[in-house]
Amino acid sequence: MTRRRLLVSATSLFGMMPFAAAAQDSAPTIHVVKDRNCGCCAAWVEILRNAGFTVTTEASMGTLLIRHKLENGIPQAMHSCHTGEVAGYMIEGHVPPADIRRLLAEHPDAIGLAVPDMPYGSPGMGPEYQREAYDVFLMRKDGSTDVFSRYEAA
């Protein structure tokens, strides 16, 4: 490689750095509060990372985790095993990444999304090709919920 080609390559690389940083900054960051020993929570976190989210985690369990959910307005009927927070929205349970992105794009006046319980085949809960039917709920600030998206059984 010639000195000239090396300089041109280096200049091009440095010129691209601001764009790479901007792309990384646009990746949604989600903070997940979960039980440190929960395998399905870890699997959901990995699915989010593979979908382009930046994920931080915090260990919690028992009554502390339940209190965190209630203090953030998540109705008890919507509880699951872990809770995330992204852009001011709460994400409860095994919510698919596509639904989180849709929430962020539509920006409704709501608490966030929930997949109550732990339906088999939801992200992190077993293979999607064996999925049982489940709904993703939009949790409204008045305590009501609406179906945000529906996943039929595989």
N, C-alpha and C. Protein backbone atom coordinates (compact mmCIF):
# COMPACT_ATOMS: atom_id res chain seq x y z
N MET A 1 0.86 -1.17 0.00
CA MET A 1 0.00 0.00 0.00
C MET A 1 0.91 1.24 0.00
N THR A 2 0.55 2.19 -0.84
CA THR A 2 1.35 3.41 -0.92
C THR A 2 0.98 4.34 0.21
N ARG A 3 1.90 5.27 0.46
CA ARG A 3 1.65 6.26 1.51
C ARG A 3 0.40 7.08 1.20
N ARG A 4 0.23 7.42 -0.07
CA ARG A 4 -0.93 8.22 -0.49
C ARG A 4 -2.23 7.44 -0.23
N ARG A 5 -2.26 6.17 -0.61
CA ARG A 5 -3.46 5.36 -0.40
C ARG A 5 -3.76 5.21 1.10
N LEU A 6 -2.74 5.05 1.91
CA LEU A 6 -2.90 4.95 3.35
C LEU A 6 -3.51 6.23 3.93
N LEU A 7 -3.01 7.38 3.48
CA LEU A 7 -3.56 8.66 3.96
C LEU A 7 -5.00 8.86 3.53
N VAL A 8 -5.32 8.49 2.30
CA VAL A 8 -6.70 8.63 1.81
C VAL A 8 -7.62 7.70 2.61
N SER A 9 -7.17 6.47 2.84
CA SER A 9 -7.98 5.52 3.62
C SER A 9 -8.21 6.02 5.04
N ALA A 10 -7.15 6.51 5.68
CA ALA A 10 -7.27 7.01 7.05
C ALA A 10 -8.19 8.21 7.11
N THR A 11 -8.06 9.12 6.14
CA THR A 11 -8.93 10.31 6.09
C THR A 11 -10.38 9.89 5.92
N SER A 12 -10.63 8.91 5.05
CA SER A 12 -12.00 8.43 4.84
C SER A 12 -12.57 7.82 6.11
N LEU A 13 -11.73 7.04 6.78
CA LEU A 13 -12.17 6.40 8.02
C LEU A 13 -12.53 7.44 9.08
N PHE A 14 -11.67 8.43 9.27
CA PHE A 14 -11.95 9.47 10.26
C PHE A 14 -13.16 10.29 9.86
N GLY A 15 -13.37 10.47 8.57
CA GLY A 15 -14.53 11.22 8.09
C GLY A 15 -15.84 10.51 8.37
N MET A 16 -15.79 9.18 8.46
CA MET A 16 -17.00 8.39 8.72
C MET A 16 -17.33 8.28 10.20
N MET A 17 -16.39 8.57 11.07
CA MET A 17 -16.60 8.38 12.51
C MET A 17 -17.80 9.12 13.08
N PRO A 18 -18.05 10.38 12.70
CA PRO A 18 -19.24 11.04 13.25
C PRO A 18 -20.53 10.34 12.88
N PHE A 19 -20.59 9.77 11.65
CA PHE A 19 -21.79 9.06 11.23
C PHE A 19 -21.97 7.77 12.01
N ALA A 20 -20.89 7.07 12.28
CA ALA A 20 -20.95 5.84 13.07
C ALA A 20 -21.42 6.15 14.49
N ALA A 21 -20.91 7.23 15.06
CA ALA A 21 -21.32 7.62 16.41
C ALA A 21 -22.79 7.99 16.44
N ALA A 22 -23.25 8.69 15.41
CA ALA A 22 -24.67 9.08 15.35
C ALA A 22 -25.55 7.85 15.23
N ALA A 23 -25.12 6.86 14.44
CA ALA A 23 -25.91 5.64 14.30
C ALA A 23 -25.98 4.90 15.63
N GLN A 24 -24.89 4.87 16.37
CA GLN A 24 -24.87 4.20 17.65
C GLN A 24 -25.74 4.94 18.66
N ASP A 25 -25.73 6.28 18.62
CA ASP A 25 -26.54 7.07 19.54
C ASP A 25 -28.03 6.89 19.28
N SER A 26 -28.41 6.57 18.02
CA SER A 26 -29.83 6.45 17.70
C SER A 26 -30.39 5.10 18.13
N ALA A 27 -29.53 4.16 18.53
CA ALA A 27 -30.01 2.87 19.03
C ALA A 27 -30.73 3.11 20.35
N PRO A 28 -31.98 2.64 20.46
CA PRO A 28 -32.70 2.84 21.72
C PRO A 28 -31.98 2.16 22.88
N THR A 29 -31.94 2.84 24.01
CA THR A 29 -31.35 2.28 25.22
C THR A 29 -32.47 1.88 26.17
N ILE A 30 -32.43 0.65 26.62
CA ILE A 30 -33.44 0.15 27.54
C ILE A 30 -32.74 -0.36 28.79
N HIS A 31 -33.26 0.05 29.94
CA HIS A 31 -32.74 -0.40 31.23
C HIS A 31 -33.69 -1.45 31.77
N VAL A 32 -33.17 -2.64 32.08
CA VAL A 32 -33.99 -3.77 32.50
C VAL A 32 -33.70 -4.12 33.97
N VAL A 33 -34.76 -4.16 34.77
CA VAL A 33 -34.67 -4.59 36.16
C VAL A 33 -35.19 -6.02 36.20
N LYS A 34 -34.32 -6.94 36.68
CA LYS A 34 -34.65 -8.36 36.61
C LYS A 34 -33.99 -9.13 37.73
N ASP A 35 -34.45 -10.35 37.92
CA ASP A 35 -33.82 -11.28 38.86
C ASP A 35 -32.52 -11.77 38.21
N ARG A 36 -31.41 -11.70 38.92
CA ARG A 36 -30.12 -12.08 38.35
C ARG A 36 -30.05 -13.55 37.95
N ASN A 37 -30.91 -14.38 38.52
CA ASN A 37 -30.88 -15.82 38.25
C ASN A 37 -31.89 -16.28 37.20
N CYS A 38 -32.59 -15.36 36.58
CA CYS A 38 -33.66 -15.72 35.65
C CYS A 38 -33.11 -15.90 34.24
N GLY A 39 -33.19 -17.11 33.72
CA GLY A 39 -32.70 -17.41 32.38
C GLY A 39 -33.53 -16.78 31.28
N CYS A 40 -34.85 -16.73 31.46
CA CYS A 40 -35.68 -16.15 30.40
C CYS A 40 -35.48 -14.63 30.31
N CYS A 41 -35.21 -13.98 31.44
CA CYS A 41 -34.92 -12.55 31.43
C CYS A 41 -33.63 -12.29 30.65
N ALA A 42 -32.61 -13.11 30.91
CA ALA A 42 -31.34 -12.98 30.20
C ALA A 42 -31.52 -13.23 28.71
N ALA A 43 -32.37 -14.19 28.35
CA ALA A 43 -32.63 -14.47 26.94
C ALA A 43 -33.33 -13.28 26.27
N TRP A 44 -34.28 -12.64 26.96
CA TRP A 44 -34.97 -11.47 26.41
C TRP A 44 -34.00 -10.32 26.20
N VAL A 45 -33.11 -10.10 27.17
CA VAL A 45 -32.10 -9.05 27.05
C VAL A 45 -31.23 -9.31 25.82
N GLU A 46 -30.84 -10.55 25.59
CA GLU A 46 -30.01 -10.88 24.43
C GLU A 46 -30.77 -10.65 23.13
N ILE A 47 -32.06 -10.97 23.11
CA ILE A 47 -32.89 -10.73 21.93
C ILE A 47 -32.95 -9.23 21.64
N LEU A 48 -33.11 -8.41 22.67
CA LEU A 48 -33.12 -6.95 22.48
C LEU A 48 -31.79 -6.47 21.91
N ARG A 49 -30.69 -6.97 22.45
CA ARG A 49 -29.37 -6.56 21.94
C ARG A 49 -29.21 -6.96 20.49
N ASN A 50 -29.63 -8.16 20.14
CA ASN A 50 -29.54 -8.62 18.74
C ASN A 50 -30.44 -7.80 17.82
N ALA A 51 -31.47 -7.18 18.37
CA ALA A 51 -32.39 -6.34 17.60
C ALA A 51 -31.90 -4.89 17.53
N GLY A 52 -30.73 -4.61 18.09
CA GLY A 52 -30.15 -3.27 17.98
C GLY A 52 -30.33 -2.36 19.18
N PHE A 53 -30.95 -2.84 20.23
CA PHE A 53 -31.10 -2.03 21.43
C PHE A 53 -29.81 -2.04 22.24
N THR A 54 -29.53 -0.95 22.91
CA THR A 54 -28.48 -0.92 23.92
C THR A 54 -29.17 -1.24 25.23
N VAL A 55 -28.69 -2.26 25.95
CA VAL A 55 -29.39 -2.74 27.14
C VAL A 55 -28.47 -2.67 28.35
N THR A 56 -28.98 -2.08 29.43
CA THR A 56 -28.34 -2.15 30.73
C THR A 56 -29.25 -2.95 31.64
N THR A 57 -28.67 -3.62 32.63
CA THR A 57 -29.49 -4.43 33.53
C THR A 57 -29.18 -4.08 34.98
N GLU A 58 -30.17 -4.35 35.80
CA GLU A 58 -30.06 -4.13 37.24
C GLU A 58 -30.71 -5.31 37.95
N ALA A 59 -30.00 -5.91 38.87
CA ALA A 59 -30.54 -7.05 39.60
C ALA A 59 -31.49 -6.58 40.69
N SER A 60 -32.63 -7.25 40.77
CA SER A 60 -33.62 -7.01 41.81
C SER A 60 -34.44 -8.27 41.94
N MET A 61 -35.14 -8.42 43.04
CA MET A 61 -35.98 -9.60 43.18
C MET A 61 -37.02 -9.40 44.27
N GLY A 62 -37.99 -10.30 44.28
CA GLY A 62 -39.00 -10.31 45.32
C GLY A 62 -39.80 -9.03 45.42
N THR A 63 -40.00 -8.60 46.66
CA THR A 63 -40.84 -7.44 46.89
C THR A 63 -40.24 -6.15 46.32
N LEU A 64 -38.92 -6.06 46.23
CA LEU A 64 -38.31 -4.86 45.64
C LEU A 64 -38.69 -4.73 44.17
N LEU A 65 -38.67 -5.84 43.45
CA LEU A 65 -39.04 -5.81 42.03
C LEU A 65 -40.52 -5.49 41.86
N ILE A 66 -41.36 -6.07 42.68
CA ILE A 66 -42.80 -5.79 42.62
C ILE A 66 -43.06 -4.32 42.94
N ARG A 67 -42.38 -3.80 43.95
CA ARG A 67 -42.54 -2.39 44.31
C ARG A 67 -42.12 -1.47 43.16
N HIS A 68 -41.03 -1.82 42.48
CA HIS A 68 -40.57 -1.05 41.32
C HIS A 68 -41.66 -0.99 40.25
N LYS A 69 -42.31 -2.11 40.00
CA LYS A 69 -43.37 -2.17 39.00
C LYS A 69 -44.54 -1.27 39.41
N LEU A 70 -44.99 -1.42 40.65
CA LEU A 70 -46.14 -0.65 41.12
C LEU A 70 -45.84 0.85 41.17
N GLU A 71 -44.63 1.21 41.61
CA GLU A 71 -44.25 2.63 41.66
C GLU A 71 -44.19 3.27 40.28
N ASN A 72 -44.03 2.45 39.25
CA ASN A 72 -43.97 2.97 37.89
C ASN A 72 -45.29 2.81 37.14
N GLY A 73 -46.37 2.50 37.87
CA GLY A 73 -47.70 2.50 37.29
C GLY A 73 -48.11 1.25 36.56
N ILE A 74 -47.37 0.16 36.71
CA ILE A 74 -47.72 -1.07 36.02
C ILE A 74 -48.79 -1.79 36.83
N PRO A 75 -50.00 -1.95 36.24
CA PRO A 75 -51.07 -2.63 36.97
C PRO A 75 -50.68 -4.07 37.32
N GLN A 76 -51.11 -4.52 38.48
CA GLN A 76 -50.74 -5.85 38.95
C GLN A 76 -51.12 -6.94 37.95
N ALA A 77 -52.23 -6.79 37.26
CA ALA A 77 -52.67 -7.79 36.27
C ALA A 77 -51.72 -7.88 35.08
N MET A 78 -50.85 -6.91 34.91
CA MET A 78 -49.91 -6.89 33.78
C MET A 78 -48.52 -7.38 34.16
N HIS A 79 -48.29 -7.72 35.43
CA HIS A 79 -46.95 -8.09 35.88
C HIS A 79 -46.42 -9.34 35.19
N SER A 80 -45.11 -9.33 35.02
CA SER A 80 -44.37 -10.47 34.49
C SER A 80 -43.06 -10.57 35.27
N CYS A 81 -42.04 -11.15 34.68
CA CYS A 81 -40.83 -11.42 35.45
C CYS A 81 -39.78 -10.31 35.43
N HIS A 82 -39.81 -9.41 34.47
CA HIS A 82 -38.83 -8.33 34.42
C HIS A 82 -39.49 -7.06 33.90
N THR A 83 -38.84 -5.93 34.15
CA THR A 83 -39.37 -4.63 33.76
C THR A 83 -38.27 -3.82 33.11
N GLY A 84 -38.59 -3.26 31.94
CA GLY A 84 -37.64 -2.40 31.26
C GLY A 84 -38.17 -0.98 31.20
N GLU A 85 -37.25 -0.06 30.95
CA GLU A 85 -37.64 1.34 30.75
C GLU A 85 -36.86 1.87 29.57
N VAL A 86 -37.59 2.45 28.62
CA VAL A 86 -36.98 3.01 27.42
C VAL A 86 -37.72 4.29 27.05
N ALA A 87 -36.98 5.36 26.92
CA ALA A 87 -37.53 6.66 26.51
C ALA A 87 -38.75 7.07 27.33
N GLY A 88 -38.74 6.79 28.63
CA GLY A 88 -39.84 7.17 29.50
C GLY A 88 -41.00 6.19 29.52
N TYR A 89 -40.92 5.11 28.78
CA TYR A 89 -41.96 4.08 28.76
C TYR A 89 -41.50 2.86 29.55
N MET A 90 -42.45 2.20 30.19
CA MET A 90 -42.19 0.96 30.90
C MET A 90 -42.51 -0.20 29.97
N ILE A 91 -41.65 -1.20 30.00
CA ILE A 91 -41.84 -2.41 29.19
C ILE A 91 -41.86 -3.59 30.16
N GLU A 92 -43.01 -4.22 30.29
CA GLU A 92 -43.20 -5.28 31.28
C GLU A 92 -43.29 -6.63 30.59
N GLY A 93 -42.34 -7.50 30.91
CA GLY A 93 -42.38 -8.86 30.40
C GLY A 93 -41.76 -9.02 29.03
N HIS A 94 -42.13 -10.10 28.37
CA HIS A 94 -41.49 -10.55 27.13
C HIS A 94 -42.08 -9.87 25.89
N VAL A 95 -41.97 -8.55 25.84
CA VAL A 95 -42.49 -7.76 24.73
C VAL A 95 -41.52 -7.88 23.54
N PRO A 96 -42.03 -8.20 22.35
CA PRO A 96 -41.16 -8.29 21.17
C PRO A 96 -40.52 -6.94 20.83
N PRO A 97 -39.28 -6.97 20.35
CA PRO A 97 -38.59 -5.73 19.98
C PRO A 97 -39.35 -4.89 18.96
N ALA A 98 -40.03 -5.52 18.02
CA ALA A 98 -40.78 -4.77 17.00
C ALA A 98 -41.88 -3.92 17.64
N ASP A 99 -42.51 -4.43 18.70
CA ASP A 99 -43.55 -3.67 19.38
C ASP A 99 -42.96 -2.49 20.15
N ILE A 100 -41.78 -2.68 20.72
CA ILE A 100 -41.12 -1.57 21.42
C ILE A 100 -40.77 -0.47 20.42
N ARG A 101 -40.25 -0.86 19.25
CA ARG A 101 -39.93 0.14 18.22
C ARG A 101 -41.19 0.87 17.75
N ARG A 102 -42.27 0.14 17.60
CA ARG A 102 -43.54 0.77 17.19
C ARG A 102 -44.01 1.75 18.26
N LEU A 103 -43.91 1.37 19.53
CA LEU A 103 -44.27 2.27 20.64
C LEU A 103 -43.46 3.56 20.55
N LEU A 104 -42.16 3.43 20.33
CA LEU A 104 -41.29 4.60 20.25
C LEU A 104 -41.61 5.46 19.03
N ALA A 105 -42.01 4.85 17.94
CA ALA A 105 -42.35 5.59 16.73
C ALA A 105 -43.69 6.32 16.87
N GLU A 106 -44.68 5.65 17.46
CA GLU A 106 -46.02 6.23 17.59
C GLU A 106 -46.13 7.17 18.78
N HIS A 107 -45.34 6.95 19.79
CA HIS A 107 -45.25 7.80 20.98
C HIS A 107 -46.62 8.12 21.61
N PRO A 108 -47.39 7.09 21.98
CA PRO A 108 -48.70 7.35 22.60
C PRO A 108 -48.53 7.88 24.03
N ASP A 109 -49.58 8.52 24.52
CA ASP A 109 -49.60 8.99 25.90
C ASP A 109 -49.98 7.80 26.77
N ALA A 110 -48.97 7.06 27.23
CA ALA A 110 -49.22 5.81 27.95
C ALA A 110 -48.06 5.51 28.89
N ILE A 111 -48.27 4.54 29.76
CA ILE A 111 -47.20 4.06 30.63
C ILE A 111 -46.22 3.23 29.83
N GLY A 112 -46.74 2.36 28.97
CA GLY A 112 -45.87 1.51 28.16
C GLY A 112 -46.58 0.25 27.72
N LEU A 113 -45.80 -0.81 27.50
CA LEU A 113 -46.31 -2.07 26.98
C LEU A 113 -46.11 -3.20 28.00
N ALA A 114 -46.97 -4.21 27.90
CA ALA A 114 -46.84 -5.37 28.78
C ALA A 114 -47.27 -6.65 28.08
N VAL A 115 -46.54 -7.71 28.37
CA VAL A 115 -46.96 -9.07 28.07
C VAL A 115 -47.04 -9.75 29.43
N PRO A 116 -48.25 -9.80 30.02
CA PRO A 116 -48.37 -10.38 31.36
C PRO A 116 -48.07 -11.87 31.35
N ASP A 117 -47.71 -12.34 32.52
CA ASP A 117 -47.33 -13.74 32.71
C ASP A 117 -46.08 -14.02 31.86
N MET A 118 -45.96 -15.18 31.35
CA MET A 118 -44.76 -15.55 30.58
C MET A 118 -45.18 -16.53 29.48
N PRO A 119 -45.89 -16.05 28.44
CA PRO A 119 -46.41 -16.96 27.42
C PRO A 119 -45.30 -17.69 26.66
N TYR A 120 -45.49 -18.98 26.48
CA TYR A 120 -44.50 -19.79 25.78
C TYR A 120 -44.39 -19.33 24.32
N GLY A 121 -43.15 -19.15 23.88
CA GLY A 121 -42.90 -18.72 22.51
C GLY A 121 -42.78 -17.21 22.35
N SER A 122 -43.08 -16.45 23.41
CA SER A 122 -42.80 -15.01 23.35
C SER A 122 -41.28 -14.85 23.44
N PRO A 123 -40.72 -13.70 23.07
CA PRO A 123 -39.26 -13.55 23.04
C PRO A 123 -38.61 -13.91 24.38
N GLY A 124 -37.73 -14.90 24.33
CA GLY A 124 -37.04 -15.36 25.53
C GLY A 124 -37.72 -16.52 26.23
N MET A 125 -38.89 -16.91 25.75
CA MET A 125 -39.67 -17.97 26.42
C MET A 125 -39.86 -19.21 25.55
N GLY A 126 -38.87 -19.58 24.80
CA GLY A 126 -38.97 -20.78 23.97
C GLY A 126 -39.10 -20.42 22.51
N PRO A 127 -39.10 -21.45 21.65
CA PRO A 127 -39.09 -21.21 20.22
C PRO A 127 -40.40 -20.59 19.71
N GLU A 128 -40.25 -19.62 18.82
CA GLU A 128 -41.42 -18.94 18.27
C GLU A 128 -42.29 -19.89 17.45
N TYR A 129 -41.69 -20.89 16.84
CA TYR A 129 -42.48 -21.82 16.02
C TYR A 129 -43.40 -22.70 16.86
N GLN A 130 -43.24 -22.68 18.20
CA GLN A 130 -44.13 -23.40 19.11
C GLN A 130 -44.95 -22.42 19.97
N ARG A 131 -45.03 -21.19 19.54
CA ARG A 131 -45.64 -20.12 20.32
C ARG A 131 -47.11 -20.38 20.61
N GLU A 132 -47.49 -20.06 21.87
CA GLU A 132 -48.91 -20.01 22.20
C GLU A 132 -49.38 -18.59 21.91
N ALA A 133 -50.68 -18.43 21.69
CA ALA A 133 -51.22 -17.10 21.39
C ALA A 133 -51.04 -16.19 22.60
N TYR A 134 -50.70 -14.93 22.33
CA TYR A 134 -50.62 -13.94 23.40
C TYR A 134 -50.82 -12.54 22.84
N ASP A 135 -51.16 -11.63 23.74
CA ASP A 135 -51.36 -10.23 23.37
C ASP A 135 -50.30 -9.37 24.03
N VAL A 136 -49.96 -8.29 23.35
CA VAL A 136 -49.14 -7.23 23.94
C VAL A 136 -50.11 -6.10 24.26
N PHE A 137 -50.09 -5.64 25.50
CA PHE A 137 -51.04 -4.62 25.94
C PHE A 137 -50.37 -3.26 26.05
N LEU A 138 -51.10 -2.23 25.65
CA LEU A 138 -50.71 -0.84 25.89
C LEU A 138 -51.31 -0.47 27.24
N MET A 139 -50.45 -0.09 28.19
CA MET A 139 -50.91 0.30 29.52
C MET A 139 -51.11 1.81 29.52
N ARG A 140 -52.33 2.23 29.73
CA ARG A 140 -52.66 3.65 29.74
C ARG A 140 -52.45 4.24 31.13
N LYS A 141 -52.29 5.55 31.19
CA LYS A 141 -52.02 6.23 32.46
C LYS A 141 -53.21 6.19 33.43
N ASP A 142 -54.41 5.97 32.90
CA ASP A 142 -55.59 5.89 33.78
C ASP A 142 -55.79 4.49 34.35
N GLY A 143 -54.86 3.57 34.07
CA GLY A 143 -54.94 2.21 34.59
C GLY A 143 -55.59 1.22 33.63
N SER A 144 -56.17 1.71 32.55
CA SER A 144 -56.79 0.82 31.57
C SER A 144 -55.72 0.25 30.62
N THR A 145 -56.11 -0.78 29.90
CA THR A 145 -55.21 -1.39 28.91
C THR A 145 -55.97 -1.63 27.61
N ASP A 146 -55.24 -1.62 26.53
CA ASP A 146 -55.77 -1.95 25.21
C ASP A 146 -54.80 -2.93 24.55
N VAL A 147 -55.32 -3.80 23.69
CA VAL A 147 -54.45 -4.69 22.94
C VAL A 147 -53.67 -3.84 21.93
N PHE A 148 -52.36 -3.90 22.02
CA PHE A 148 -51.45 -3.16 21.14
C PHE A 148 -51.11 -4.01 19.92
N SER A 149 -50.86 -5.28 20.15
CA SER A 149 -50.65 -6.23 19.06
C SER A 149 -51.00 -7.63 19.56
N ARG A 150 -51.30 -8.49 18.59
CA ARG A 150 -51.74 -9.84 18.91
C ARG A 150 -50.88 -10.84 18.16
N TYR A 151 -50.45 -11.87 18.87
CA TYR A 151 -49.64 -12.93 18.25
C TYR A 151 -50.43 -14.23 18.34
N GLU A 152 -50.76 -14.77 17.19
CA GLU A 152 -51.52 -16.02 17.14
C GLU A 152 -50.59 -17.18 17.46
N ALA A 153 -51.19 -18.30 17.86
CA ALA A 153 -50.42 -19.51 18.13
C ALA A 153 -49.75 -19.97 16.83
N ALA A 154 -48.55 -20.51 16.97
CA ALA A 154 -47.81 -20.98 15.79
C ALA A 154 -48.39 -22.30 15.30
